[in-house]
Amino acid sequence: ALVNISKAAAPMIPFMTEEIYQNLVRSIDPSA
């Protein structure tokens, strides 16, 4: 589910996918 709703959706819904990215990736990997 996450693979199919995160990056693929970024061009269409930039703000929501940014929030997902910050919660899933940046919160765990600060070097991202």
Full PDB file with SEQRES, HELIX, SHEET, SSBOND, CRYST1, ORIGX, SCALE, CONECT and MASTER records, all heavy atoms in Angstrom:
SEQRES   1 A   32  ALA LEU VAL ASN ILE SER LYS ALA ALA ALA PRO MET ILE          
SEQRES   2 A   32  PRO PHE MET THR GLU GLU ILE TYR GLN ASN LEU VAL ARG          
SEQRES   3 A   32  SER ILE ASP PRO SER ALA                                      
HELIX    1 AA1 LEU A    2  ILE A    5  1                                   4    
HELIX    2 AA2 LYS A    7  ALA A    9  5                                   3    
HELIX    3 AA3 PRO A   14  TYR A   21  1                                   8    
HELIX    4 AA4 GLN A   22  ARG A   26  3                                   5    
CRYST1    1.000    1.000    1.000  90.00  90.00  90.00 P 1           1          
ORIGX1      1.000000  0.000000  0.000000        0.00000                         
ORIGX2      0.000000  1.000000  0.000000        0.00000                         
ORIGX3      0.000000  0.000000  1.000000        0.00000                         
SCALE1      1.000000  0.000000  0.000000        0.00000                         
SCALE2      0.000000  1.000000  0.000000        0.00000                         
SCALE3      0.000000  0.000000  1.000000        0.00000                         
ATOM      1  N   ALA A   1       0.829  -1.202   0.000  1.00  0.00           N  
ATOM      2  CA  ALA A   1       0.000   0.000   0.000  1.00  0.00           C  
ATOM      3  C   ALA A   1       0.870   1.261   0.000  1.00  0.00           C  
ATOM      4  O   ALA A   1       0.618   2.210  -0.750  1.00  0.00           O  
ATOM      5  CB  ALA A   1      -0.933  -0.002   1.203  1.00  0.00           C  
ATOM      6  N   LEU A   2       1.900   1.276   0.833  1.00  0.00           N  
ATOM      7  CA  LEU A   2       2.754   2.458   0.935  1.00  0.00           C  
ATOM      8  C   LEU A   2       3.518   2.726  -0.358  1.00  0.00           C  
ATOM      9  O   LEU A   2       3.670   3.880  -0.776  1.00  0.00           O  
ATOM     10  CB  LEU A   2       3.737   2.295   2.105  1.00  0.00           C  
ATOM     11  CG  LEU A   2       3.116   2.275   3.500  1.00  0.00           C  
ATOM     12  CD1 LEU A   2       4.187   1.997   4.548  1.00  0.00           C  
ATOM     13  CD2 LEU A   2       2.424   3.600   3.801  1.00  0.00           C  
ATOM     14  N   VAL A   3       4.017   1.657  -0.972  1.00  0.00           N  
ATOM     15  CA  VAL A   3       4.752   1.818  -2.225  1.00  0.00           C  
ATOM     16  C   VAL A   3       3.884   2.481  -3.282  1.00  0.00           C  
ATOM     17  O   VAL A   3       4.344   3.334  -4.048  1.00  0.00           O  
ATOM     18  CB  VAL A   3       5.260   0.450  -2.732  1.00  0.00           C  
ATOM     19  CG1 VAL A   3       5.641   0.521  -4.215  1.00  0.00           C  
ATOM     20  CG2 VAL A   3       6.461  -0.014  -1.914  1.00  0.00           C  
ATOM     21  N   ASN A   4       2.621   2.124  -3.310  1.00  0.00           N  
ATOM     22  CA  ASN A   4       1.747   2.584  -4.382  1.00  0.00           C  
ATOM     23  C   ASN A   4       1.074   3.919  -4.113  1.00  0.00           C  
ATOM     24  O   ASN A   4       0.459   4.484  -5.012  1.00  0.00           O  
ATOM     25  CB  ASN A   4       0.686   1.519  -4.677  1.00  0.00           C  
ATOM     26  CG  ASN A   4       1.257   0.368  -5.468  1.00  0.00           C  
ATOM     27  OD1 ASN A   4       1.340   0.422  -6.683  1.00  0.00           O  
ATOM     28  ND2 ASN A   4       1.687  -0.685  -4.780  1.00  0.00           N  
ATOM     29  N   ILE A   5       1.212   4.447  -2.895  1.00  0.00           N  
ATOM     30  CA  ILE A   5       0.562   5.728  -2.623  1.00  0.00           C  
ATOM     31  C   ILE A   5       1.545   6.839  -2.282  1.00  0.00           C  
ATOM     32  O   ILE A   5       1.128   7.981  -2.122  1.00  0.00           O  
ATOM     33  CB  ILE A   5      -0.475   5.619  -1.486  1.00  0.00           C  
ATOM     34  CG1 ILE A   5       0.205   5.300  -0.160  1.00  0.00           C  
ATOM     35  CG2 ILE A   5      -1.547   4.621  -1.825  1.00  0.00           C  
ATOM     36  CD1 ILE A   5      -0.756   5.275   1.031  1.00  0.00           C  
ATOM     37  N   SER A   6       2.818   6.529  -2.161  1.00  0.00           N  
ATOM     38  CA  SER A   6       3.756   7.573  -1.754  1.00  0.00           C  
ATOM     39  C   SER A   6       4.340   8.320  -2.934  1.00  0.00           C  
ATOM     40  O   SER A   6       3.791   9.334  -3.381  1.00  0.00           O  
ATOM     41  CB  SER A   6       4.853   6.983  -0.868  1.00  0.00           C  
ATOM     42  OG  SER A   6       5.542   5.929  -1.531  1.00  0.00           O  
ATOM     43  N   LYS A   7       5.434   7.810  -3.493  1.00  0.00           N  
ATOM     44  CA  LYS A   7       6.113   8.578  -4.544  1.00  0.00           C  
ATOM     45  C   LYS A   7       5.296   8.721  -5.813  1.00  0.00           C  
ATOM     46  O   LYS A   7       5.340   9.761  -6.468  1.00  0.00           O  
ATOM     47  CB  LYS A   7       7.455   7.933  -4.869  1.00  0.00           C  
ATOM     48  CG  LYS A   7       8.562   8.371  -3.934  1.00  0.00           C  
ATOM     49  CD  LYS A   7       9.902   8.000  -4.494  1.00  0.00           C  
ATOM     50  CE  LYS A   7      11.009   8.623  -3.662  1.00  0.00           C  
ATOM     51  NZ  LYS A   7      12.343   8.260  -4.166  1.00  0.00           N  
ATOM     52  N   ALA A   8       4.571   7.680  -6.174  1.00  0.00           N  
ATOM     53  CA  ALA A   8       3.805   7.752  -7.421  1.00  0.00           C  
ATOM     54  C   ALA A   8       2.767   8.866  -7.385  1.00  0.00           C  
ATOM     55  O   ALA A   8       2.381   9.400  -8.422  1.00  0.00           O  
ATOM     56  CB  ALA A   8       3.134   6.411  -7.704  1.00  0.00           C  
ATOM     57  N   ALA A   9       2.306   9.215  -6.175  1.00  0.00           N  
ATOM     58  CA  ALA A   9       1.272  10.241  -6.044  1.00  0.00           C  
ATOM     59  C   ALA A   9       1.848  11.644  -5.880  1.00  0.00           C  
ATOM     60  O   ALA A   9       1.112  12.629  -5.937  1.00  0.00           O  
ATOM     61  CB  ALA A   9       0.373   9.919  -4.845  1.00  0.00           C  
ATOM     62  N   ALA A  10       3.159  11.768  -5.700  1.00  0.00           N  
ATOM     63  CA  ALA A  10       3.766  13.062  -5.385  1.00  0.00           C  
ATOM     64  C   ALA A  10       3.469  14.158  -6.408  1.00  0.00           C  
ATOM     65  O   ALA A  10       3.162  15.298  -6.026  1.00  0.00           O  
ATOM     66  CB  ALA A  10       5.274  12.896  -5.211  1.00  0.00           C  
ATOM     67  N   PRO A  11       3.543  13.895  -7.724  1.00  0.00           N  
ATOM     68  CA  PRO A  11       3.263  14.986  -8.669  1.00  0.00           C  
ATOM     69  C   PRO A  11       1.823  15.496  -8.621  1.00  0.00           C  
ATOM     70  O   PRO A  11       1.565  16.637  -8.970  1.00  0.00           O  
ATOM     71  CB  PRO A  11       3.566  14.339 -10.040  1.00  0.00           C  
ATOM     72  CG  PRO A  11       4.466  13.195  -9.733  1.00  0.00           C  
ATOM     73  CD  PRO A  11       3.989  12.676  -8.409  1.00  0.00           C  
ATOM     74  N   MET A  12       0.900  14.653  -8.177  1.00  0.00           N  
ATOM     75  CA  MET A  12      -0.513  15.019  -8.193  1.00  0.00           C  
ATOM     76  C   MET A  12      -0.972  15.607  -6.864  1.00  0.00           C  
ATOM     77  O   MET A  12      -1.821  16.492  -6.830  1.00  0.00           O  
ATOM     78  CB  MET A  12      -1.354  13.783  -8.545  1.00  0.00           C  
ATOM     79  CG  MET A  12      -1.062  13.221  -9.920  1.00  0.00           C  
ATOM     80  SD  MET A  12      -1.904  11.654 -10.200  1.00  0.00           S  
ATOM     81  CE  MET A  12      -0.970  10.549  -9.133  1.00  0.00           C  
ATOM     82  N   ILE A  13      -0.444  15.097  -5.757  1.00  0.00           N  
ATOM     83  CA  ILE A  13      -0.861  15.566  -4.430  1.00  0.00           C  
ATOM     84  C   ILE A  13       0.399  15.864  -3.614  1.00  0.00           C  
ATOM     85  O   ILE A  13       0.760  15.118  -2.696  1.00  0.00           O  
ATOM     86  CB  ILE A  13      -1.761  14.522  -3.732  1.00  0.00           C  
ATOM     87  CG1 ILE A  13      -1.265  13.090  -4.014  1.00  0.00           C  
ATOM     88  CG2 ILE A  13      -3.192  14.676  -4.144  1.00  0.00           C  
ATOM     89  CD1 ILE A  13      -2.066  12.043  -3.298  1.00  0.00           C  
ATOM     90  N   PRO A  14       1.092  16.938  -3.946  1.00  0.00           N  
ATOM     91  CA  PRO A  14       2.410  17.207  -3.371  1.00  0.00           C  
ATOM     92  C   PRO A  14       2.431  17.389  -1.859  1.00  0.00           C  
ATOM     93  O   PRO A  14       3.359  16.948  -1.196  1.00  0.00           O  
ATOM     94  CB  PRO A  14       2.853  18.483  -4.096  1.00  0.00           C  
ATOM     95  CG  PRO A  14       1.583  19.118  -4.582  1.00  0.00           C  
ATOM     96  CD  PRO A  14       0.677  17.982  -4.891  1.00  0.00           C  
ATOM     97  N   PHE A  15       1.407  18.024  -1.300  1.00  0.00           N  
ATOM     98  CA  PHE A  15       1.459  18.335   0.128  1.00  0.00           C  
ATOM     99  C   PHE A  15       1.204  17.094   0.985  1.00  0.00           C  
ATOM    100  O   PHE A  15       1.858  16.882   2.006  1.00  0.00           O  
ATOM    101  CB  PHE A  15       0.459  19.448   0.457  1.00  0.00           C  
ATOM    102  CG  PHE A  15       0.744  20.729  -0.283  1.00  0.00           C  
ATOM    103  CD1 PHE A  15      -0.091  21.160  -1.292  1.00  0.00           C  
ATOM    104  CD2 PHE A  15       1.863  21.490   0.020  1.00  0.00           C  
ATOM    105  CE1 PHE A  15       0.166  22.331  -1.995  1.00  0.00           C  
ATOM    106  CE2 PHE A  15       2.147  22.666  -0.683  1.00  0.00           C  
ATOM    107  CZ  PHE A  15       1.293  23.079  -1.687  1.00  0.00           C  
ATOM    108  N   MET A  16       0.235  16.272   0.563  1.00  0.00           N  
ATOM    109  CA  MET A  16      -0.058  15.059   1.323  1.00  0.00           C  
ATOM    110  C   MET A  16       1.112  14.073   1.272  1.00  0.00           C  
ATOM    111  O   MET A  16       1.484  13.475   2.284  1.00  0.00           O  
ATOM    112  CB  MET A  16      -1.333  14.403   0.810  1.00  0.00           C  
ATOM    113  CG  MET A  16      -2.598  15.153   1.131  1.00  0.00           C  
ATOM    114  SD  MET A  16      -4.082  14.251   0.634  1.00  0.00           S  
ATOM    115  CE  MET A  16      -5.348  15.393   1.151  1.00  0.00           C  
ATOM    116  N   THR A  17       1.688  13.906   0.078  1.00  0.00           N  
ATOM    117  CA  THR A  17       2.795  12.953  -0.026  1.00  0.00           C  
ATOM    118  C   THR A  17       4.025  13.471   0.706  1.00  0.00           C  
ATOM    119  O   THR A  17       4.825  12.686   1.214  1.00  0.00           O  
ATOM    120  CB  THR A  17       3.151  12.680  -1.498  1.00  0.00           C  
ATOM    121  OG1 THR A  17       3.318  13.917  -2.191  1.00  0.00           O  
ATOM    122  CG2 THR A  17       2.069  11.870  -2.183  1.00  0.00           C  
ATOM    123  N   GLU A  18       4.178  14.796   0.780  1.00  0.00           N  
ATOM    124  CA  GLU A  18       5.286  15.355   1.557  1.00  0.00           C  
ATOM    125  C   GLU A  18       5.138  15.005   3.036  1.00  0.00           C  
ATOM    126  O   GLU A  18       6.114  14.649   3.718  1.00  0.00           O  
ATOM    127  CB  GLU A  18       5.338  16.878   1.386  1.00  0.00           C  
ATOM    128  CG  GLU A  18       6.472  17.548   2.138  1.00  0.00           C  
ATOM    129  CD  GLU A  18       7.835  17.130   1.618  1.00  0.00           C  
ATOM    130  OE1 GLU A  18       7.950  16.733   0.436  1.00  0.00           O  
ATOM    131  OE2 GLU A  18       8.794  17.195   2.397  1.00  0.00           O  
ATOM    132  N   GLU A  19       3.893  15.079   3.532  1.00  0.00           N  
ATOM    133  CA  GLU A  19       3.651  14.728   4.937  1.00  0.00           C  
ATOM    134  C   GLU A  19       3.942  13.254   5.191  1.00  0.00           C  
ATOM    135  O   GLU A  19       4.540  12.897   6.202  1.00  0.00           O  
ATOM    136  CB  GLU A  19       2.203  15.047   5.308  1.00  0.00           C  
ATOM    137  CG  GLU A  19       1.885  14.774   6.773  1.00  0.00           C  
ATOM    138  CD  GLU A  19       0.478  15.177   7.140  1.00  0.00           C  
ATOM    139  OE1 GLU A  19      -0.231  15.760   6.289  1.00  0.00           O  
ATOM    140  OE2 GLU A  19       0.080  14.906   8.294  1.00  0.00           O  
ATOM    141  N   ILE A  20       3.520  12.388   4.245  1.00  0.00           N  
ATOM    142  CA  ILE A  20       3.808  10.961   4.375  1.00  0.00           C  
ATOM    143  C   ILE A  20       5.311  10.731   4.407  1.00  0.00           C  
ATOM    144  O   ILE A  20       5.837   9.977   5.232  1.00  0.00           O  
ATOM    145  CB  ILE A  20       3.170  10.174   3.208  1.00  0.00           C  
ATOM    146  CG1 ILE A  20       1.654  10.234   3.306  1.00  0.00           C  
ATOM    147  CG2 ILE A  20       3.645   8.719   3.211  1.00  0.00           C  
ATOM    148  CD1 ILE A  20       0.944   9.642   2.099  1.00  0.00           C  
ATOM    149  N   TYR A  21       6.021  11.391   3.495  1.00  0.00           N  
ATOM    150  CA  TYR A  21       7.475  11.223   3.399  1.00  0.00           C  
ATOM    151  C   TYR A  21       8.161  11.675   4.688  1.00  0.00           C  
ATOM    152  O   TYR A  21       9.054  10.992   5.208  1.00  0.00           O  
ATOM    153  CB  TYR A  21       7.995  12.026   2.205  1.00  0.00           C  
ATOM    154  CG  TYR A  21       9.488  12.010   2.043  1.00  0.00           C  
ATOM    155  CD1 TYR A  21      10.130  10.934   1.441  1.00  0.00           C  
ATOM    156  CD2 TYR A  21      10.264  13.079   2.468  1.00  0.00           C  
ATOM    157  CE1 TYR A  21      11.508  10.915   1.283  1.00  0.00           C  
ATOM    158  CE2 TYR A  21      11.641  13.075   2.316  1.00  0.00           C  
ATOM    159  CZ  TYR A  21      12.261  11.986   1.719  1.00  0.00           C  
ATOM    160  OH  TYR A  21      13.623  11.983   1.564  1.00  0.00           O  
ATOM    161  N   GLN A  22       7.755  12.808   5.208  1.00  0.00           N  
ATOM    162  CA  GLN A  22       8.383  13.307   6.436  1.00  0.00           C  
ATOM    163  C   GLN A  22       8.142  12.354   7.611  1.00  0.00           C  
ATOM    164  O   GLN A  22       9.025  12.116   8.436  1.00  0.00           O  
ATOM    165  CB  GLN A  22       7.847  14.701   6.775  1.00  0.00           C  
ATOM    166  CG  GLN A  22       8.207  15.775   5.766  1.00  0.00           C  
ATOM    167  CD  GLN A  22       9.705  15.997   5.636  1.00  0.00           C  
ATOM    168  OE1 GLN A  22      10.462  15.844   6.596  1.00  0.00           O  
ATOM    169  NE2 GLN A  22      10.147  16.341   4.425  1.00  0.00           N  
ATOM    170  N   ASN A  23       6.939  11.781   7.679  1.00  0.00           N  
ATOM    171  CA  ASN A  23       6.617  10.874   8.780  1.00  0.00           C  
ATOM    172  C   ASN A  23       7.301   9.521   8.644  1.00  0.00           C  
ATOM    173  O   ASN A  23       7.771   8.943   9.641  1.00  0.00           O  
ATOM    174  CB  ASN A  23       5.098  10.654   8.862  1.00  0.00           C  
ATOM    175  CG  ASN A  23       4.376  11.899   9.345  1.00  0.00           C  
ATOM    176  OD1 ASN A  23       4.950  12.735  10.031  1.00  0.00           O  
ATOM    177  ND2 ASN A  23       3.120  12.036   8.958  1.00  0.00           N  
ATOM    178  N   LEU A  24       7.383   9.006   7.402  1.00  0.00           N  
ATOM    179  CA  LEU A  24       7.901   7.656   7.193  1.00  0.00           C  
ATOM    180  C   LEU A  24       9.414   7.610   7.016  1.00  0.00           C  
ATOM    181  O   LEU A  24      10.060   6.656   7.438  1.00  0.00           O  
ATOM    182  CB  LEU A  24       7.245   7.016   5.969  1.00  0.00           C  
ATOM    183  CG  LEU A  24       5.801   6.575   6.115  1.00  0.00           C  
ATOM    184  CD1 LEU A  24       5.277   6.090   4.771  1.00  0.00           C  
ATOM    185  CD2 LEU A  24       5.690   5.463   7.142  1.00  0.00           C  
ATOM    186  N   VAL A  25       9.965   8.636   6.363  1.00  0.00           N  
ATOM    187  CA  VAL A  25      11.377   8.583   5.996  1.00  0.00           C  
ATOM    188  C   VAL A  25      12.227   9.526   6.836  1.00  0.00           C  
ATOM    189  O   VAL A  25      13.146   9.101   7.537  1.00  0.00           O  
ATOM    190  CB  VAL A  25      11.549   8.913   4.492  1.00  0.00           C  
ATOM    191  CG1 VAL A  25      13.031   8.880   4.110  1.00  0.00           C  
ATOM    192  CG2 VAL A  25      10.761   7.916   3.647  1.00  0.00           C  
ATOM    193  N   ARG A  26      11.921  10.813   6.805  1.00  0.00           N  
ATOM    194  CA  ARG A  26      12.774  11.786   7.487  1.00  0.00           C  
ATOM    195  C   ARG A  26      12.812  11.598   8.990  1.00  0.00           C  
ATOM    196  O   ARG A  26      13.815  11.877   9.633  1.00  0.00           O  
ATOM    197  CB  ARG A  26      12.290  13.200   7.156  1.00  0.00           C  
ATOM    198  CG  ARG A  26      12.590  13.642   5.730  1.00  0.00           C  
ATOM    199  CD  ARG A  26      14.025  14.069   5.560  1.00  0.00           C  
ATOM    200  NE  ARG A  26      14.285  15.297   6.311  1.00  0.00           N  
ATOM    201  CZ  ARG A  26      15.483  15.810   6.495  1.00  0.00           C  
ATOM    202  NH1 ARG A  26      16.551  15.209   6.025  1.00  0.00           N  
ATOM    203  NH2 ARG A  26      15.632  16.931   7.183  1.00  0.00           N  
ATOM    204  N   SER A  27      11.706  11.092   9.557  1.00  0.00           N  
ATOM    205  CA  SER A  27      11.680  10.875  11.007  1.00  0.00           C  
ATOM    206  C   SER A  27      12.632   9.770  11.434  1.00  0.00           C  
ATOM    207  O   SER A  27      13.064   9.709  12.588  1.00  0.00           O  
ATOM    208  CB  SER A  27      10.263  10.543  11.470  1.00  0.00           C  
ATOM    209  OG  SER A  27       9.823   9.327  10.884  1.00  0.00           O  
ATOM    210  N   ILE A  28      12.978   8.882  10.502  1.00  0.00           N  
ATOM    211  CA  ILE A  28      13.856   7.752  10.807  1.00  0.00           C  
ATOM    212  C   ILE A  28      15.238   7.947  10.213  1.00  0.00           C  
ATOM    213  O   ILE A  28      16.245   7.542  10.794  1.00  0.00           O  
ATOM    214  CB  ILE A  28      13.226   6.446  10.288  1.00  0.00           C  
ATOM    215  CG1 ILE A  28      11.906   6.177  11.021  1.00  0.00           C  
ATOM    216  CG2 ILE A  28      14.169   5.254  10.455  1.00  0.00           C  
ATOM    217  CD1 ILE A  28      11.147   4.982  10.501  1.00  0.00           C  
ATOM    218  N   ASP A  29      15.312   8.581   9.035  1.00  0.00           N  
ATOM    219  CA  ASP A  29      16.578   8.752   8.326  1.00  0.00           C  
ATOM    220  C   ASP A  29      16.824  10.239   8.071  1.00  0.00           C  
ATOM    221  O   ASP A  29      16.452  10.767   7.021  1.00  0.00           O  
ATOM    222  CB  ASP A  29      16.535   7.984   7.000  1.00  0.00           C  
ATOM    223  CG  ASP A  29      17.854   8.072   6.237  1.00  0.00           C  
ATOM    224  OD1 ASP A  29      18.837   8.582   6.814  1.00  0.00           O  
ATOM    225  OD2 ASP A  29      17.890   7.640   5.073  1.00  0.00           O  
ATOM    226  N   PRO A  30      17.474  10.939   9.022  1.00  0.00           N  
ATOM    227  CA  PRO A  30      17.713  12.381   8.857  1.00  0.00           C  
ATOM    228  C   PRO A  30      18.600  12.714   7.665  1.00  0.00           C  
ATOM    229  O   PRO A  30      18.596  13.857   7.182  1.00  0.00           O  
ATOM    230  CB  PRO A  30      18.408  12.773  10.174  1.00  0.00           C  
ATOM    231  CG  PRO A  30      18.062  11.685  11.147  1.00  0.00           C  
ATOM    232  CD  PRO A  30      17.939  10.438  10.325  1.00  0.00           C  
ATOM    233  N   SER A  31      19.362  11.740   7.162  1.00  0.00           N  
ATOM    234  CA  SER A  31      20.243  11.999   6.032  1.00  0.00           C  
ATOM    235  C   SER A  31      19.502  11.966   4.693  1.00  0.00           C  
ATOM    236  O   SER A  31      20.083  12.304   3.658  1.00  0.00           O  
ATOM    237  CB  SER A  31      21.382  10.965   6.001  1.00  0.00           C  
ATOM    238  OG  SER A  31      20.872   9.662   5.738  1.00  0.00           O  
ATOM    239  N   ALA A  32      18.244  11.560   4.694  1.00  0.00           N  
ATOM    240  CA  ALA A  32      17.461  11.519   3.463  1.00  0.00           C  
ATOM    241  C   ALA A  32      17.228  12.936   2.948  1.00  0.00           C  
ATOM    242  O   ALA A  32      17.311  13.910   3.706  1.00  0.00           O  
ATOM    243  CB  ALA A  32      16.126  10.829   3.712  1.00  0.00           C  
TER     244      ALA A  32                                                      
MASTER        0    0    0    4    0    0    0    6  243    1    0    3          
END                                                                             
